[in-house]
Amino acid sequence: MAKYNPIETENKWRERWKKEQYYNVDLNDESRPKFYNLVMFPYPSGDRLHVGHWYNFGPADSFGRYMRMKGYNVFEPMGFDAFGLPAEN
């Protein structure tokens, strides 16, 4: 069995996803059902990221990927701000 090479594997899949435009979203595309998945931004609290950040982000991200694999046109903004407060821009 060949030794696992994470860099090679990552590059292989990144190129495939880029070629197939896997992460491109066309909100006007009526050929596929739409799915809106708001993923909470992992706001830093304390020194660094911790398991609590994954607790919010992981399931939402996984479900969005699952829906994309089922053929949905998934719009998945991360940390979307609709208020435009000067302190947040």
N, C-alpha and C. Protein backbone atom coordinates (compact mmCIF):
# COMPACT_ATOMS: atom_id res chain seq x y z
N MET A 1 0.84 -1.18 0.00
CA MET A 1 0.00 0.00 0.00
C MET A 1 0.89 1.24 0.00
N ALA A 2 0.54 2.20 -0.84
CA ALA A 2 1.33 3.43 -0.95
C ALA A 2 1.15 4.29 0.30
N LYS A 3 2.19 5.04 0.62
CA LYS A 3 2.14 5.93 1.77
C LYS A 3 1.21 7.11 1.45
N TYR A 4 0.40 7.48 2.40
CA TYR A 4 -0.54 8.59 2.23
C TYR A 4 0.22 9.91 2.16
N ASN A 5 -0.06 10.68 1.11
CA ASN A 5 0.57 11.98 0.93
C ASN A 5 -0.54 13.04 0.98
N PRO A 6 -0.71 13.73 2.12
CA PRO A 6 -1.82 14.67 2.25
C PRO A 6 -1.76 15.83 1.26
N ILE A 7 -0.59 16.33 0.94
CA ILE A 7 -0.48 17.45 0.00
C ILE A 7 -0.92 17.02 -1.39
N GLU A 8 -0.48 15.85 -1.82
CA GLU A 8 -0.87 15.33 -3.13
C GLU A 8 -2.38 15.10 -3.20
N THR A 9 -2.93 14.52 -2.16
CA THR A 9 -4.37 14.24 -2.11
C THR A 9 -5.17 15.54 -2.13
N GLU A 10 -4.75 16.51 -1.34
CA GLU A 10 -5.44 17.81 -1.29
C GLU A 10 -5.43 18.48 -2.67
N ASN A 11 -4.27 18.49 -3.31
CA ASN A 11 -4.16 19.12 -4.64
C ASN A 11 -5.01 18.40 -5.67
N LYS A 12 -5.04 17.08 -5.61
CA LYS A 12 -5.85 16.29 -6.55
C LYS A 12 -7.31 16.69 -6.47
N TRP A 13 -7.86 16.73 -5.27
CA TRP A 13 -9.28 17.04 -5.11
C TRP A 13 -9.58 18.50 -5.36
N ARG A 14 -8.67 19.38 -4.98
CA ARG A 14 -8.88 20.80 -5.26
C ARG A 14 -8.98 21.07 -6.76
N GLU A 15 -8.11 20.43 -7.52
CA GLU A 15 -8.14 20.59 -8.98
C GLU A 15 -9.44 20.05 -9.56
N ARG A 16 -9.90 18.91 -9.07
CA ARG A 16 -11.15 18.33 -9.57
C ARG A 16 -12.33 19.25 -9.27
N TRP A 17 -12.39 19.75 -8.04
CA TRP A 17 -13.49 20.64 -7.66
C TRP A 17 -13.45 21.92 -8.47
N LYS A 18 -12.24 22.42 -8.75
CA LYS A 18 -12.10 23.64 -9.55
C LYS A 18 -12.57 23.39 -10.99
N LYS A 19 -12.15 22.25 -11.55
CA LYS A 19 -12.52 21.89 -12.92
C LYS A 19 -14.04 21.74 -13.07
N GLU A 20 -14.65 21.11 -12.10
CA GLU A 20 -16.10 20.88 -12.14
C GLU A 20 -16.91 22.06 -11.58
N GLN A 21 -16.22 23.11 -11.17
CA GLN A 21 -16.86 24.30 -10.58
C GLN A 21 -17.80 23.91 -9.44
N TYR A 22 -17.31 23.03 -8.61
CA TYR A 22 -18.09 22.45 -7.52
C TYR A 22 -18.60 23.50 -6.54
N TYR A 23 -17.80 24.53 -6.29
CA TYR A 23 -18.19 25.53 -5.30
C TYR A 23 -18.74 26.81 -5.92
N ASN A 24 -18.98 26.83 -7.23
CA ASN A 24 -19.61 28.00 -7.85
C ASN A 24 -21.11 27.94 -7.61
N VAL A 25 -21.69 29.07 -7.31
CA VAL A 25 -23.12 29.15 -7.04
C VAL A 25 -23.75 30.17 -7.98
N ASP A 26 -24.78 29.75 -8.69
CA ASP A 26 -25.55 30.66 -9.53
C ASP A 26 -26.97 30.69 -8.96
N LEU A 27 -27.29 31.77 -8.26
CA LEU A 27 -28.59 31.85 -7.61
C LEU A 27 -29.74 31.97 -8.59
N ASN A 28 -29.44 32.23 -9.86
CA ASN A 28 -30.49 32.30 -10.89
C ASN A 28 -30.68 30.98 -11.62
N ASP A 29 -29.90 29.97 -11.28
CA ASP A 29 -29.99 28.65 -11.92
C ASP A 29 -31.26 27.95 -11.43
N GLU A 30 -32.19 27.73 -12.34
CA GLU A 30 -33.46 27.07 -11.99
C GLU A 30 -33.42 25.56 -12.25
N SER A 31 -32.30 25.05 -12.77
CA SER A 31 -32.23 23.63 -13.12
C SER A 31 -32.02 22.73 -11.90
N ARG A 32 -31.56 23.31 -10.80
CA ARG A 32 -31.35 22.53 -9.58
C ARG A 32 -32.08 23.20 -8.42
N PRO A 33 -32.54 22.42 -7.47
CA PRO A 33 -33.19 23.03 -6.30
C PRO A 33 -32.16 23.83 -5.49
N LYS A 34 -32.63 24.92 -4.90
CA LYS A 34 -31.75 25.78 -4.11
C LYS A 34 -31.75 25.36 -2.65
N PHE A 35 -30.61 25.57 -2.00
CA PHE A 35 -30.50 25.32 -0.57
C PHE A 35 -29.63 26.41 0.03
N TYR A 36 -30.17 27.15 0.99
CA TYR A 36 -29.45 28.22 1.67
C TYR A 36 -28.96 27.68 3.00
N ASN A 37 -27.67 27.74 3.23
CA ASN A 37 -27.08 27.20 4.45
C ASN A 37 -26.19 28.26 5.08
N LEU A 38 -26.71 28.92 6.12
CA LEU A 38 -25.93 29.95 6.80
C LEU A 38 -25.01 29.30 7.82
N VAL A 39 -23.73 29.43 7.60
CA VAL A 39 -22.73 28.84 8.50
C VAL A 39 -22.22 29.93 9.42
N MET A 40 -22.29 29.67 10.70
CA MET A 40 -21.85 30.66 11.68
C MET A 40 -20.34 30.83 11.64
N PHE A 41 -19.89 32.06 11.59
CA PHE A 41 -18.46 32.36 11.60
C PHE A 41 -17.89 32.01 12.97
N PRO A 42 -16.76 31.29 13.01
CA PRO A 42 -16.17 30.93 14.31
C PRO A 42 -15.46 32.13 14.94
N TYR A 43 -16.22 32.99 15.59
CA TYR A 43 -15.65 34.19 16.20
C TYR A 43 -14.59 33.81 17.23
N PRO A 44 -13.47 34.49 17.20
CA PRO A 44 -12.42 34.17 18.16
C PRO A 44 -12.83 34.61 19.57
N SER A 45 -12.73 33.71 20.49
CA SER A 45 -12.96 34.04 21.88
C SER A 45 -11.80 33.44 22.67
N GLY A 46 -11.07 34.28 23.32
CA GLY A 46 -9.88 33.79 23.99
C GLY A 46 -8.69 33.83 23.06
N ASP A 47 -7.73 32.99 23.31
CA ASP A 47 -6.48 32.98 22.55
C ASP A 47 -6.60 32.37 21.17
N ARG A 48 -7.39 31.30 21.06
CA ARG A 48 -7.36 30.50 19.83
C ARG A 48 -8.68 29.78 19.63
N LEU A 49 -8.76 29.10 18.51
CA LEU A 49 -9.94 28.28 18.25
C LEU A 49 -9.96 27.09 19.19
N HIS A 50 -11.14 26.63 19.53
CA HIS A 50 -11.28 25.46 20.39
C HIS A 50 -12.45 24.61 19.90
N VAL A 51 -12.73 23.51 20.57
CA VAL A 51 -13.75 22.56 20.11
C VAL A 51 -15.14 23.20 20.04
N GLY A 52 -15.40 24.21 20.83
CA GLY A 52 -16.69 24.89 20.77
C GLY A 52 -16.94 25.56 19.43
N HIS A 53 -15.87 26.02 18.78
CA HIS A 53 -16.02 26.60 17.45
C HIS A 53 -16.46 25.53 16.45
N TRP A 54 -15.85 24.36 16.54
CA TRP A 54 -16.23 23.27 15.65
C TRP A 54 -17.68 22.85 15.91
N TYR A 55 -18.09 22.89 17.16
CA TYR A 55 -19.43 22.45 17.53
C TYR A 55 -20.50 23.20 16.74
N ASN A 56 -20.27 24.47 16.45
CA ASN A 56 -21.21 25.26 15.65
C ASN A 56 -20.95 25.13 14.16
N PHE A 57 -19.69 25.15 13.77
CA PHE A 57 -19.34 25.18 12.35
C PHE A 57 -19.42 23.80 11.69
N GLY A 58 -18.92 22.78 12.33
CA GLY A 58 -18.80 21.44 11.73
C GLY A 58 -20.09 20.86 11.18
N PRO A 59 -21.14 20.76 11.98
CA PRO A 59 -22.38 20.17 11.47
C PRO A 59 -23.01 20.97 10.32
N ALA A 60 -23.00 22.30 10.41
CA ALA A 60 -23.59 23.12 9.34
C ALA A 60 -22.80 22.96 8.04
N ASP A 61 -21.47 22.98 8.14
CA ASP A 61 -20.63 22.81 6.96
C ASP A 61 -20.83 21.43 6.34
N SER A 62 -20.87 20.41 7.18
CA SER A 62 -21.06 19.04 6.69
C SER A 62 -22.41 18.88 5.99
N PHE A 63 -23.46 19.48 6.55
CA PHE A 63 -24.78 19.36 5.94
C PHE A 63 -24.83 20.09 4.60
N GLY A 64 -24.17 21.23 4.50
CA GLY A 64 -24.11 21.95 3.23
C GLY A 64 -23.40 21.13 2.16
N ARG A 65 -22.32 20.47 2.54
CA ARG A 65 -21.60 19.61 1.59
C ARG A 65 -22.46 18.42 1.17
N TYR A 66 -23.19 17.86 2.12
CA TYR A 66 -24.09 16.74 1.83
C TYR A 66 -25.16 17.16 0.82
N MET A 67 -25.75 18.32 1.02
CA MET A 67 -26.79 18.80 0.10
C MET A 67 -26.20 19.08 -1.28
N ARG A 68 -24.97 19.57 -1.33
CA ARG A 68 -24.31 19.81 -2.62
C ARG A 68 -24.11 18.49 -3.35
N MET A 69 -23.71 17.44 -2.61
CA MET A 69 -23.51 16.13 -3.24
C MET A 69 -24.83 15.53 -3.72
N LYS A 70 -25.94 15.95 -3.11
CA LYS A 70 -27.27 15.47 -3.55
C LYS A 70 -27.79 16.25 -4.75
N GLY A 71 -27.00 17.24 -5.22
CA GLY A 71 -27.38 17.96 -6.43
C GLY A 71 -28.00 19.33 -6.21
N TYR A 72 -28.07 19.77 -4.98
CA TYR A 72 -28.64 21.09 -4.70
C TYR A 72 -27.66 22.19 -5.06
N ASN A 73 -28.19 23.34 -5.42
CA ASN A 73 -27.41 24.55 -5.66
C ASN A 73 -27.29 25.23 -4.29
N VAL A 74 -26.18 24.99 -3.60
CA VAL A 74 -26.03 25.41 -2.20
C VAL A 74 -25.34 26.77 -2.11
N PHE A 75 -26.04 27.72 -1.50
CA PHE A 75 -25.46 29.02 -1.19
C PHE A 75 -25.10 28.98 0.28
N GLU A 76 -23.82 29.11 0.58
CA GLU A 76 -23.33 28.90 1.94
C GLU A 76 -22.41 30.05 2.37
N PRO A 77 -23.01 31.23 2.63
CA PRO A 77 -22.16 32.34 3.08
C PRO A 77 -21.68 32.08 4.51
N MET A 78 -20.49 32.51 4.79
CA MET A 78 -19.94 32.32 6.14
C MET A 78 -19.79 33.68 6.80
N GLY A 79 -20.41 33.84 7.94
CA GLY A 79 -20.30 35.09 8.67
C GLY A 79 -20.94 36.25 7.93
N PHE A 80 -22.08 36.03 7.32
CA PHE A 80 -22.78 37.04 6.53
C PHE A 80 -23.28 38.17 7.44
N ASP A 81 -23.02 39.42 7.05
CA ASP A 81 -23.47 40.57 7.81
C ASP A 81 -24.44 41.38 6.96
N ALA A 82 -25.68 41.45 7.37
CA ALA A 82 -26.69 42.18 6.60
C ALA A 82 -26.93 43.58 7.14
N PHE A 83 -26.26 43.96 8.22
CA PHE A 83 -26.55 45.24 8.86
C PHE A 83 -25.58 46.34 8.47
N GLY A 84 -24.34 46.00 8.12
CA GLY A 84 -23.37 46.98 7.66
C GLY A 84 -22.98 48.01 8.71
N LEU A 85 -22.91 47.60 9.95
CA LEU A 85 -22.49 48.54 10.99
C LEU A 85 -21.04 48.93 10.76
N PRO A 86 -20.71 50.23 10.92
CA PRO A 86 -19.34 50.67 10.65
C PRO A 86 -18.28 49.88 11.41
N ALA A 87 -18.57 49.47 12.64
CA ALA A 87 -17.58 48.73 13.42
C ALA A 87 -17.34 47.33 12.87
N GLU A 88 -18.28 46.82 12.07
CA GLU A 88 -18.15 45.46 11.54
C GLU A 88 -17.60 45.43 10.13
N ASN A 89 -17.46 46.58 9.50
CA ASN A 89 -16.97 46.62 8.11
C ASN A 89 -15.46 46.60 8.06
